C-alpha atoms as a PDB file:
ATOM      1  CA  MET A   1      -3.273  15.449 -10.355  1.00  0.00           C
ATOM      2  CA  GLN A   2      -1.946  18.514 -11.604  1.00  0.00           C
ATOM      3  CA  PHE A   3       1.471  20.346 -11.204  1.00  0.00           C
ATOM      4  CA  ASP A   4       2.293  24.148 -11.118  1.00  0.00           C
ATOM      5  CA  ASP A   5       2.838  24.683 -14.760  1.00  0.00           C
ATOM      6  CA  ASP A   6       5.468  27.379 -14.007  1.00  0.00           C
ATOM      7  CA  ALA A   7       7.367  25.575 -11.074  1.00  0.00           C
ATOM      8  CA  ASP A   8      10.909  24.763 -11.945  1.00  0.00           C
ATOM      9  CA  LEU A   9      11.800  20.857 -11.676  1.00  0.00           C
ATOM     10  CA  ASP A  10      15.079  19.870 -10.296  1.00  0.00           C
ATOM     11  CA  THR A  11      16.502  17.142 -12.555  1.00  0.00           C
ATOM     12  CA  SER A  12      19.327  16.590 -10.446  1.00  0.00           C
ATOM     13  CA  GLU A  13      17.196  14.252  -8.326  1.00  0.00           C
ATOM     14  CA  VAL A  14      16.770  11.964 -10.979  1.00  0.00           C
ATOM     15  CA  LYS A  15      19.525  10.359 -13.086  1.00  0.00           C
ATOM     16  CA  ASP A  16      18.138   8.963 -16.597  1.00  0.00           C
ATOM     17  CA  VAL A  17      20.313   6.102 -18.014  1.00  0.00           C
ATOM     18  CA  ARG A  18      17.755   4.619 -20.306  1.00  0.00           C
ATOM     19  CA  GLY A  19      19.180   2.809 -23.260  1.00  0.00           C
ATOM     20  CA  SER A  20      22.709   2.680 -21.556  1.00  0.00           C
ATOM     21  CA  ARG A  21      24.758  -0.142 -21.475  1.00  0.00           C
ATOM     22  CA  VAL A  22      25.367  -1.702 -18.361  1.00  0.00           C
ATOM     23  CA  PRO A  23      29.237  -2.627 -18.317  1.00  0.00           C
ATOM     24  CA  GLY A  24      29.856  -6.642 -17.741  1.00  0.00           C
ATOM     25  CA  GLY A  25      27.944  -8.983 -15.656  1.00  0.00           C
ATOM     26  CA  ARG A  26      24.807 -10.709 -16.606  1.00  0.00           C
ATOM     27  CA  ALA A  27      21.327 -10.825 -14.461  1.00  0.00           C
ATOM     28  CA  THR A  28      20.323 -14.034 -13.847  1.00  0.00           C
ATOM     29  CA  ILE A  29      16.442 -13.365 -14.440  1.00  0.00           C
ATOM     30  CA  GLY A  30      14.533 -12.242 -17.402  1.00  0.00           C
ATOM     31  CA  GLY A  31      11.255 -11.976 -18.733  1.00  0.00           C
ATOM     32  CA  GLY A  32       8.510 -14.960 -19.126  1.00  0.00           C
ATOM     33  CA  ILE A  33       8.084 -17.010 -16.208  1.00  0.00           C
ATOM     34  CA  ALA A  34      11.466 -16.075 -14.543  1.00  0.00           C
ATOM     35  CA  GLY A  35      10.237 -12.489 -14.676  1.00  0.00           C
ATOM     36  CA  VAL A  36       6.924 -13.287 -13.098  1.00  0.00           C
ATOM     37  CA  VAL A  37       8.786 -15.295  -9.989  1.00  0.00           C
ATOM     38  CA  ALA A  38      11.006 -12.129  -9.744  1.00  0.00           C
ATOM     39  CA  LEU A  39       8.049  -9.752  -9.656  1.00  0.00           C
ATOM     40  CA  LEU A  40       6.299 -11.996  -6.999  1.00  0.00           C
ATOM     41  CA  LEU A  41       9.580 -12.172  -4.885  1.00  0.00           C
ATOM     42  CA  GLY A  42      10.885  -8.418  -5.487  1.00  0.00           C
ATOM     43  CA  LEU A  43       8.023  -6.098  -6.306  1.00  0.00           C
ATOM     44  CA  PHE A  44       8.235  -3.146  -4.029  1.00  0.00           C
ATOM     45  CA  PHE A  45      10.463  -5.078  -1.563  1.00  0.00           C
ATOM     46  CA  GLY A  46      12.534  -2.186  -0.601  1.00  0.00           C
ATOM     47  CA  ILE A  47      15.849  -3.974  -1.036  1.00  0.00           C
ATOM     48  CA  GLY A  48      18.219  -4.472  -3.599  1.00  0.00           C
ATOM     49  CA  PRO A  49      18.066  -7.553  -5.917  1.00  0.00           C
ATOM     50  CA  GLU A  50      21.195  -8.957  -4.318  1.00  0.00           C
ATOM     51  CA  GLN A  51      19.577  -9.541  -1.233  1.00  0.00           C
ATOM     52  CA  LEU A  52      16.682 -11.438  -3.248  1.00  0.00           C
ATOM     53  CA  GLY A  53      19.287 -13.682  -4.944  1.00  0.00           C
ATOM     54  CA  LEU A  54      18.201 -12.010  -8.249  1.00  0.00           C
ATOM     55  CA  SER A  55      21.540 -10.647  -9.280  1.00  0.00           C
ATOM     56  CA  SER A  56      24.805 -11.611 -11.025  1.00  0.00           C
ATOM     57  CA  GLY A  57      26.684 -10.851  -8.113  1.00  0.00           C
ATOM     58  CA  ASN A  58      28.840  -8.320  -9.662  1.00  0.00           C
ATOM     59  CA  ASP A  59      29.906  -5.190  -7.514  1.00  0.00           C
ATOM     60  CA  GLU A  60      29.723  -2.767 -10.304  1.00  0.00           C
ATOM     61  CA  PRO A  61      28.754   0.930 -10.622  1.00  0.00           C
ATOM     62  CA  ALA A  62      25.374   1.714 -11.881  1.00  0.00           C
ATOM     63  CA  ALA A  63      25.165   2.235 -15.664  1.00  0.00           C
ATOM     64  CA  THR A  64      26.695   5.528 -17.234  1.00  0.00           C
ATOM     65  CA  ALA A  65      24.520   8.033 -18.422  1.00  0.00           C
ATOM     66  CA  SER A  66      23.172   7.887 -22.063  1.00  0.00           C
ATOM     67  CA  SER A  67      24.589  10.249 -24.484  1.00  0.00           C
ATOM     68  CA  VAL A  68      21.234  11.938 -24.567  1.00  0.00           C
ATOM     69  CA  ALA A  69      19.925  12.874 -21.069  1.00  0.00           C
ATOM     70  CA  GLN A  70      16.397  12.925 -21.765  1.00  0.00           C
ATOM     71  CA  VAL A  71      15.126  13.966 -18.257  1.00  0.00           C
ATOM     72  CA  ASP A  72      17.684  16.766 -18.104  1.00  0.00           C
ATOM     73  CA  GLN A  73      16.927  18.259 -21.642  1.00  0.00           C
ATOM     74  CA  SER A  74      13.142  17.875 -21.524  1.00  0.00           C
ATOM     75  CA  CYS A  75      11.725  18.280 -18.179  1.00  0.00           C
ATOM     76  CA  ARG A  76      12.142  22.011 -16.928  1.00  0.00           C
ATOM     77  CA  LYS A  77       8.752  23.079 -15.811  1.00  0.00           C
ATOM     78  CA  GLY A  78       5.838  21.682 -14.142  1.00  0.00           C
ATOM     79  CA  SER A  79       4.156  22.024 -17.684  1.00  0.00           C
ATOM     80  CA  ASP A  80       6.270  19.168 -18.799  1.00  0.00           C
ATOM     81  CA  ALA A  81       5.342  17.101 -15.720  1.00  0.00           C
ATOM     82  CA  ASN A  82       1.809  17.436 -16.857  1.00  0.00           C
ATOM     83  CA  THR A  83       2.470  16.247 -20.409  1.00  0.00           C
ATOM     84  CA  ARG A  84       5.298  13.608 -20.134  1.00  0.00           C
ATOM     85  CA  ALA A  85       5.381  10.702 -18.032  1.00  0.00           C
ATOM     86  CA  ASP A  86       9.063  10.841 -17.355  1.00  0.00           C
ATOM     87  CA  CYS A  87       8.990  14.479 -16.169  1.00  0.00           C
ATOM     88  CA  ARG A  88       5.990  13.420 -14.076  1.00  0.00           C
ATOM     89  CA  ILE A  89       8.231  11.283 -12.328  1.00  0.00           C
ATOM     90  CA  VAL A  90      10.942  13.989 -11.726  1.00  0.00           C
ATOM     91  CA  ALA A  91       7.968  16.235 -10.330  1.00  0.00           C
ATOM     92  CA  VAL A  92       6.811  13.546  -7.965  1.00  0.00           C
ATOM     93  CA  VAL A  93      10.347  12.825  -6.772  1.00  0.00           C
ATOM     94  CA  ASN A  94      10.999  16.715  -6.410  1.00  0.00           C
ATOM     95  CA  SER A  95       7.521  16.654  -4.334  1.00  0.00           C
ATOM     96  CA  VAL A  96       8.132  13.926  -2.207  1.00  0.00           C
ATOM     97  CA  GLN A  97      11.391  14.898  -1.114  1.00  0.00           C
ATOM     98  CA  ASP A  98      10.391  18.544  -0.775  1.00  0.00           C
ATOM     99  CA  TYR A  99       8.052  17.047   2.020  1.00  0.00           C
ATOM    100  CA  TRP A 100      10.526  14.945   3.837  1.00  0.00           C
ATOM    101  CA  ARG A 101      13.261  17.710   3.959  1.00  0.00           C
ATOM    102  CA  ALA A 102      10.372  19.702   5.425  1.00  0.00           C
ATOM    103  CA  ALA A 103       9.278  17.128   7.920  1.00  0.00           C
ATOM    104  CA  TYR A 104      12.838  16.032   8.983  1.00  0.00           C
ATOM    105  CA  ALA A 105      13.589  20.016   9.875  1.00  0.00           C
ATOM    106  CA  ARG A 106      10.394  20.362  11.715  1.00  0.00           C
ATOM    107  CA  ARG A 107      11.820  17.197  13.923  1.00  0.00           C
ATOM    108  CA  GLY A 108      15.150  18.994  14.312  1.00  0.00           C
ATOM    109  CA  GLY A 109      16.945  16.667  11.835  1.00  0.00           C
ATOM    110  CA  THR A 110      18.175  16.928   8.256  1.00  0.00           C
ATOM    111  CA  TYR A 111      16.813  14.561   5.456  1.00  0.00           C
ATOM    112  CA  ALA A 112      19.523  12.992   2.988  1.00  0.00           C
ATOM    113  CA  ASN A 113      18.230  13.064  -0.592  1.00  0.00           C
ATOM    114  CA  ALA A 114      17.875   9.803  -2.745  1.00  0.00           C
ATOM    115  CA  ARG A 115      18.131   9.912  -6.365  1.00  0.00           C
ATOM    116  CA  THR A 116      15.885   7.899  -8.558  1.00  0.00           C
ATOM    117  CA  VAL A 117      17.558   6.262 -11.425  1.00  0.00           C
ATOM    118  CA  LEU A 118      15.356   5.756 -14.540  1.00  0.00           C
ATOM    119  CA  PHE A 119      16.578   2.581 -16.330  1.00  0.00           C
ATOM    120  CA  SER A 120      15.539   0.290 -19.338  1.00  0.00           C
ATOM    121  CA  GLY A 121      16.002  -3.489 -19.533  1.00  0.00           C
ATOM    122  CA  ARG A 122      18.614  -3.908 -16.566  1.00  0.00           C
ATOM    123  CA  VAL A 123      20.857  -1.847 -14.297  1.00  0.00           C
ATOM    124  CA  ALA A 124      24.023  -2.335 -12.093  1.00  0.00           C
ATOM    125  CA  THR A 125      23.398  -1.041  -8.460  1.00  0.00           C
ATOM    126  CA  ALA A 126      25.383  -1.242  -5.121  1.00  0.00           C
ATOM    127  CA  CYS A 127      22.748  -3.962  -4.267  1.00  0.00           C
ATOM    128  CA  GLY A 128      23.609  -5.910  -7.612  1.00  0.00           C
ATOM    129  CA  THR A 129      22.443  -5.907 -11.040  1.00  0.00           C
ATOM    130  CA  ALA A 130      18.817  -6.457 -11.791  1.00  0.00           C
ATOM    131  CA  THR A 131      16.557  -6.508 -14.833  1.00  0.00           C
ATOM    132  CA  SER A 132      13.269  -4.642 -15.135  1.00  0.00           C
ATOM    133  CA  ALA A 133      11.454  -7.800 -14.100  1.00  0.00           C
ATOM    134  CA  VAL A 134      12.477  -7.070 -10.565  1.00  0.00           C
ATOM    135  CA  GLY A 135      10.021  -4.213 -10.625  1.00  0.00           C
ATOM    136  CA  PRO A 136      10.743  -0.760  -8.876  1.00  0.00           C
ATOM    137  CA  PHE A 137      13.028  -1.106  -5.835  1.00  0.00           C
ATOM    138  CA  TYR A 138      15.108   0.977  -3.340  1.00  0.00           C
ATOM    139  CA  CYS A 139      18.791   0.090  -2.844  1.00  0.00           C
ATOM    140  CA  PRO A 140      19.954   0.867   0.741  1.00  0.00           C
ATOM    141  CA  GLY A 141      23.540   0.205  -0.330  1.00  0.00           C
ATOM    142  CA  ASP A 142      23.612   3.358  -2.719  1.00  0.00           C
ATOM    143  CA  ARG A 143      20.410   5.177  -1.436  1.00  0.00           C
ATOM    144  CA  GLN A 144      18.778   5.140  -4.695  1.00  0.00           C
ATOM    145  CA  VAL A 145      15.459   4.030  -6.253  1.00  0.00           C
ATOM    146  CA  TYR A 146      15.408   2.143  -9.201  1.00  0.00           C
ATOM    147  CA  LEU A 147      12.681   2.187 -11.816  1.00  0.00           C
ATOM    148  CA  ASP A 148      11.783   1.268 -15.375  1.00  0.00           C
ATOM    149  CA  LEU A 149       8.903   3.104 -16.633  1.00  0.00           C
ATOM    150  CA  GLY A 150       7.572   0.138 -18.445  1.00  0.00           C
ATOM    151  CA  PHE A 151       6.362  -1.238 -15.111  1.00  0.00           C
ATOM    152  CA  PHE A 152       3.863   1.024 -14.997  1.00  0.00           C
ATOM    153  CA  ASP A 153       2.274  -0.738 -18.260  1.00  0.00           C
ATOM    154  CA  GLU A 154       2.967  -4.287 -16.291  1.00  0.00           C
ATOM    155  CA  LEU A 155       0.987  -2.651 -13.417  1.00  0.00           C
ATOM    156  CA  ARG A 156      -2.216  -2.355 -15.620  1.00  0.00           C
ATOM    157  CA  THR A 157      -1.805  -5.510 -18.050  1.00  0.00           C
ATOM    158  CA  THR A 158      -0.167  -8.035 -15.654  1.00  0.00           C
ATOM    159  CA  PHE A 159      -1.459  -6.961 -12.305  1.00  0.00           C
ATOM    160  CA  GLY A 160      -4.853  -5.410 -13.177  1.00  0.00           C
ATOM    161  CA  SER A 161      -4.636  -2.034 -11.901  1.00  0.00           C
ATOM    162  CA  ARG A 162      -6.544   0.637 -13.570  1.00  0.00           C
ATOM    163  CA  GLY A 163      -3.441   3.048 -13.572  1.00  0.00           C
ATOM    164  CA  GLY A 164      -3.196   6.626 -13.682  1.00  0.00           C
ATOM    165  CA  PRO A 165      -0.687   9.432 -12.786  1.00  0.00           C
ATOM    166  CA  PHE A 166      -1.268   9.213  -9.081  1.00  0.00           C
ATOM    167  CA  ALA A 167      -1.013   5.231  -9.272  1.00  0.00           C
ATOM    168  CA  GLU A 168       2.564   5.973 -10.590  1.00  0.00           C
ATOM    169  CA  ALA A 169       3.082   8.606  -7.642  1.00  0.00           C
ATOM    170  CA  TYR A 170       2.113   6.234  -5.088  1.00  0.00           C
ATOM    171  CA  VAL A 171       4.726   3.592  -6.345  1.00  0.00           C
ATOM    172  CA  VAL A 172       7.525   6.707  -6.359  1.00  0.00           C
ATOM    173  CA  ALA A 173       6.187   7.475  -2.939  1.00  0.00           C
ATOM    174  CA  HIS A 174       6.389   4.086  -1.481  1.00  0.00           C
ATOM    175  CA  GLU A 175       9.959   3.516  -2.337  1.00  0.00           C
ATOM    176  CA  TYR A 176      10.907   6.968  -1.029  1.00  0.00           C
ATOM    177  CA  GLY A 177       8.990   5.553   2.203  1.00  0.00           C
ATOM    178  CA  HIS A 178      11.849   3.055   2.110  1.00  0.00           C
ATOM    179  CA  HIS A 179      14.317   5.609   1.900  1.00  0.00           C
ATOM    180  CA  VAL A 180      12.992   7.076   5.215  1.00  0.00           C
ATOM    181  CA  GLN A 181      12.971   3.642   6.699  1.00  0.00           C
ATOM    182  CA  ASN A 182      16.731   3.164   5.893  1.00  0.00           C
ATOM    183  CA  LEU A 183      17.504   6.674   7.302  1.00  0.00           C
ATOM    184  CA  MET A 184      15.551   5.745  10.599  1.00  0.00           C
ATOM    185  CA  GLY A 185      17.057   2.264  10.840  1.00  0.00           C
ATOM    186  CA  THR A 186      13.889   0.180  10.407  1.00  0.00           C
ATOM    187  CA  LEU A 187      14.424  -1.062   6.846  1.00  0.00           C
ATOM    188  CA  SER A 188      16.821  -3.738   7.924  1.00  0.00           C
ATOM    189  CA  ARG A 189      14.143  -5.227  10.144  1.00  0.00           C
ATOM    190  CA  ALA A 190      12.402  -6.603   6.881  1.00  0.00           C
ATOM    191  CA  GLN A 191      16.078  -8.740   5.951  1.00  0.00           C
ATOM    192  CA  ASP A 192      15.524 -11.221   8.707  1.00  0.00           C
ATOM    193  CA  GLY A 193      14.466 -14.016   6.142  1.00  0.00           C
ATOM    194  CA  ARG A 194      11.175 -14.623   7.569  1.00  0.00           C
ATOM    195  CA  THR A 195       7.992 -14.270   5.548  1.00  0.00           C
ATOM    196  CA  GLY A 196       4.126 -14.549   6.457  1.00  0.00           C
ATOM    197  CA  ALA A 197       1.093 -12.159   7.456  1.00  0.00           C
ATOM    198  CA  ASP A 198       2.822 -11.089  10.712  1.00  0.00           C
ATOM    199  CA  SER A 199       6.503 -10.914   9.414  1.00  0.00           C
ATOM    200  CA  ASN A 200       8.589  -7.765   9.591  1.00  0.00           C
ATOM    201  CA  ALA A 201       8.906  -7.831   5.797  1.00  0.00           C
ATOM    202  CA  VAL A 202       5.057  -7.369   5.559  1.00  0.00           C
ATOM    203  CA  LYS A 203       5.431  -4.539   8.386  1.00  0.00           C
ATOM    204  CA  VAL A 204       8.053  -2.800   6.542  1.00  0.00           C
ATOM    205  CA  GLU A 205       6.321  -2.492   3.507  1.00  0.00           C
ATOM    206  CA  LEU A 206       2.638  -1.490   4.979  1.00  0.00           C
ATOM    207  CA  GLN A 207       4.856   1.373   6.670  1.00  0.00           C
ATOM    208  CA  ALA A 208       6.086   2.356   3.465  1.00  0.00           C
ATOM    209  CA  ASP A 209       2.628   2.423   2.326  1.00  0.00           C
ATOM    210  CA  CYS A 210       1.395   4.700   5.259  1.00  0.00           C
ATOM    211  CA  TYR A 211       4.447   7.110   4.412  1.00  0.00           C
ATOM    212  CA  ALA A 212       3.210   7.412   1.035  1.00  0.00           C
ATOM    213  CA  GLY A 213      -0.022   8.482   2.345  1.00  0.00           C
ATOM    214  CA  VAL A 214       1.518  10.781   4.640  1.00  0.00           C
ATOM    215  CA  TRP A 215       3.062  12.895   1.676  1.00  0.00           C
ATOM    216  CA  ALA A 216       0.059  12.446  -0.351  1.00  0.00           C
ATOM    217  CA  ARG A 217      -1.864  14.166   2.449  1.00  0.00           C
ATOM    218  CA  HIS A 218       0.537  17.373   2.474  1.00  0.00           C
ATOM    219  CA  ALA A 219       1.723  17.138  -1.157  1.00  0.00           C
ATOM    220  CA  THR A 220      -0.719  20.115  -2.248  1.00  0.00           C
ATOM    221  CA  THR A 221       0.352  22.514   0.775  1.00  0.00           C
ATOM    222  CA  SER A 222       3.992  21.569   1.365  1.00  0.00           C
ATOM    223  CA  PRO A 223       5.953  24.209  -0.247  1.00  0.00           C
ATOM    224  CA  ASP A 224       8.410  23.679  -2.877  1.00  0.00           C
ATOM    225  CA  ASP A 225      12.184  24.517  -1.865  1.00  0.00           C
ATOM    226  CA  ARG A 226      12.463  26.334  -5.273  1.00  0.00           C
ATOM    227  CA  THR A 227       9.464  28.508  -5.151  1.00  0.00           C
ATOM    228  CA  GLY A 228       7.949  28.496  -1.729  1.00  0.00           C
ATOM    229  CA  ARG A 229       4.906  27.250  -3.390  1.00  0.00           C
ATOM    230  CA  PRO A 230       3.217  23.544  -3.563  1.00  0.00           C
ATOM    231  CA  LEU A 231       4.767  21.805  -6.720  1.00  0.00           C
ATOM    232  CA  LEU A 232       1.344  19.709  -6.632  1.00  0.00           C
ATOM    233  CA  THR A 233      -1.408  21.762  -6.934  1.00  0.00           C
ATOM    234  CA  ARG A 234      -4.362  19.444  -7.306  1.00  0.00           C
ATOM    235  CA  LEU A 235      -4.997  15.855  -5.960  1.00  0.00           C
ATOM    236  CA  THR A 236      -8.626  14.743  -6.466  1.00  0.00           C
ATOM    237  CA  ASP A 237     -10.427  11.865  -4.838  1.00  0.00           C
ATOM    238  CA  ALA A 238     -10.383   9.960  -8.283  1.00  0.00           C
ATOM    239  CA  ASP A 239      -6.701  10.152  -7.908  1.00  0.00           C
ATOM    240  CA  VAL A 240      -6.359   8.817  -4.517  1.00  0.00           C
ATOM    241  CA  ARG A 241      -8.585   5.861  -5.569  1.00  0.00           C
ATOM    242  CA  ASP A 242      -6.381   5.268  -8.345  1.00  0.00           C
ATOM    243  CA  GLY A 243      -3.588   5.109  -5.641  1.00  0.00           C
ATOM    244  CA  LEU A 244      -5.644   2.746  -3.539  1.00  0.00           C
ATOM    245  CA  ASP A 245      -6.220   0.456  -6.687  1.00  0.00           C
ATOM    246  CA  ALA A 246      -2.867   0.198  -7.436  1.00  0.00           C
ATOM    247  CA  ALA A 247      -1.899  -0.657  -3.698  1.00  0.00           C
ATOM    248  CA  ALA A 248      -4.778  -3.299  -4.059  1.00  0.00           C
ATOM    249  CA  ALA A 249      -3.292  -4.836  -7.175  1.00  0.00           C
ATOM    250  CA  VAL A 250      -0.108  -5.714  -5.386  1.00  0.00           C
ATOM    251  CA  GLY A 251      -1.319  -7.022  -2.193  1.00  0.00           C
ATOM    252  CA  ASP A 252       0.237 -10.402  -1.608  1.00  0.00           C
ATOM    253  CA  ASP A 253      -3.226 -12.286  -1.944  1.00  0.00           C
ATOM    254  CA  ARG A 254      -4.228 -10.531  -5.063  1.00  0.00           C
ATOM    255  CA  VAL A 255      -0.669 -11.378  -6.740  1.00  0.00           C
ATOM    256  CA  GLN A 256      -0.839 -14.962  -5.328  1.00  0.00           C
ATOM    257  CA  GLU A 257      -4.461 -15.511  -6.723  1.00  0.00           C
ATOM    258  CA  ARG A 258      -3.565 -14.164 -10.004  1.00  0.00           C
ATOM    259  CA  PHE A 259      -0.370 -16.328 -10.597  1.00  0.00           C
ATOM    260  CA  GLN A 260      -0.679 -19.202  -8.603  1.00  0.00           C
ATOM    261  CA  GLY A 261      -4.553 -19.749  -8.060  1.00  0.00           C
ATOM    262  CA  ARG A 262      -4.227 -19.948  -4.371  1.00  0.00           C
ATOM    263  CA  VAL A 263      -3.380 -17.503  -1.324  1.00  0.00           C
ATOM    264  CA  THR A 264      -0.660 -18.533   0.975  1.00  0.00           C
ATOM    265  CA  PRO A 265      -0.548 -16.152   3.814  1.00  0.00           C
ATOM    266  CA  GLU A 266       2.607 -17.912   5.063  1.00  0.00           C
ATOM    267  CA  ASN A 267       4.506 -16.524   2.148  1.00  0.00           C
ATOM    268  CA  TRP A 268       3.418 -13.110   2.419  1.00  0.00           C
ATOM    269  CA  THR A 269       6.145 -10.489   1.918  1.00  0.00           C
ATOM    270  CA  HIS A 270       4.236  -7.200   1.408  1.00  0.00           C
ATOM    271  CA  GLY A 271       0.381  -7.556   2.927  1.00  0.00           C
ATOM    272  CA  SER A 272      -2.925  -8.187   1.618  1.00  0.00           C
ATOM    273  CA  ALA A 273      -4.891  -5.737  -0.621  1.00  0.00           C
ATOM    274  CA  ALA A 274      -6.870  -4.583   1.922  1.00  0.00           C
ATOM    275  CA  GLN A 275      -3.826  -3.897   4.533  1.00  0.00           C
ATOM    276  CA  ARG A 276      -2.053  -1.857   1.837  1.00  0.00           C
ATOM    277  CA  GLN A 277      -4.979   0.099   1.391  1.00  0.00           C
ATOM    278  CA  ARG A 278      -5.801   0.714   5.051  1.00  0.00           C
ATOM    279  CA  TRP A 279      -2.129   1.637   5.835  1.00  0.00           C
ATOM    280  CA  PHE A 280      -1.962   4.031   2.818  1.00  0.00           C
ATOM    281  CA  LEU A 281      -5.191   5.366   4.125  1.00  0.00           C
ATOM    282  CA  GLU A 282      -3.951   5.912   7.573  1.00  0.00           C
ATOM    283  CA  GLY A 283      -1.174   8.025   6.447  1.00  0.00           C
ATOM    284  CA  TYR A 284      -3.395   9.897   4.190  1.00  0.00           C
ATOM    285  CA  ARG A 285      -6.228  10.624   6.752  1.00  0.00           C
ATOM    286  CA  THR A 286      -3.855  11.404   9.650  1.00  0.00           C
ATOM    287  CA  GLY A 287      -0.921  13.104   7.801  1.00  0.00           C
ATOM    288  CA  ASP A 288       1.097  12.016  10.721  1.00  0.00           C
ATOM    289  CA  MET A 289       4.164   9.650  10.211  1.00  0.00           C
ATOM    290  CA  ALA A 290       3.970   8.623  13.762  1.00  0.00           C
ATOM    291  CA  ARG A 291       0.853   6.996  13.271  1.00  0.00           C
ATOM    292  CA  CYS A 292       2.633   4.568  10.770  1.00  0.00           C
ATOM    293  CA  ASP A 293       3.973   2.075  13.465  1.00  0.00           C
ATOM    294  CA  THR A 294       3.132  -0.833  11.835  1.00  0.00           C
ATOM    295  CA  PHE A 295       5.227  -2.746  14.390  1.00  0.00           C
ATOM    296  CA  ARG A 296       2.876  -2.486  17.308  1.00  0.00           C
END
């Protein structure tokens, strides 16, 4: 996975509040067993922690930016994305949104940008206050993606993924899939309270996986808004395999087997490892979001 060294990164699409103090409120979850339970419930769920019952219930704004805006100062060029993990996230966010803006324009619509907020420890959002234990999530209340970069270490050490830059990109693209669902009015279908292999919650998650695959298909050909050239210049078969490995690692069956020693499909909220891989590949092979209708 390689970005154009000379490309300019748009850091306005990422807000860096790592090290900031969240004003007031207490998150009701933390590390250890509580953190594992939170991950089981909330990982890539696509809705904010308040709906999952994991927040303090405080309707407070997100944490104020730290005195050192790390991303703003350090992530200027594609070469930075090729050497720094946080800059790589900026580049992926830019690439994903470049694609969706173009895709919406081709359909005669207008894509509304969503920022990614990089935080550490805990963060206050329009969906409630959450800790890092919730994992990456999209909050429809403020249309922002929230990510603690430490999660990618958890993806390897706790969930058994082999990791890699494109595994990280898959996670980000999946969350932006939820943003697209929110814009299209389909994200709310996951919030009917039902779980299980045939639930809307699972179908929403699998569709976000498919949308991530659609972006990946076009990532090296879709022009960057700022240069007219693709921001992502190389994506190999090995990169795609890393993404598929990450998708499988967070399949409901894999997570349940790892943490509770048995598989209970009636409690699924994301889909099996095989389903997550299948739908990412459906998007990647076809490059057509119309083929991502998991509700049929």
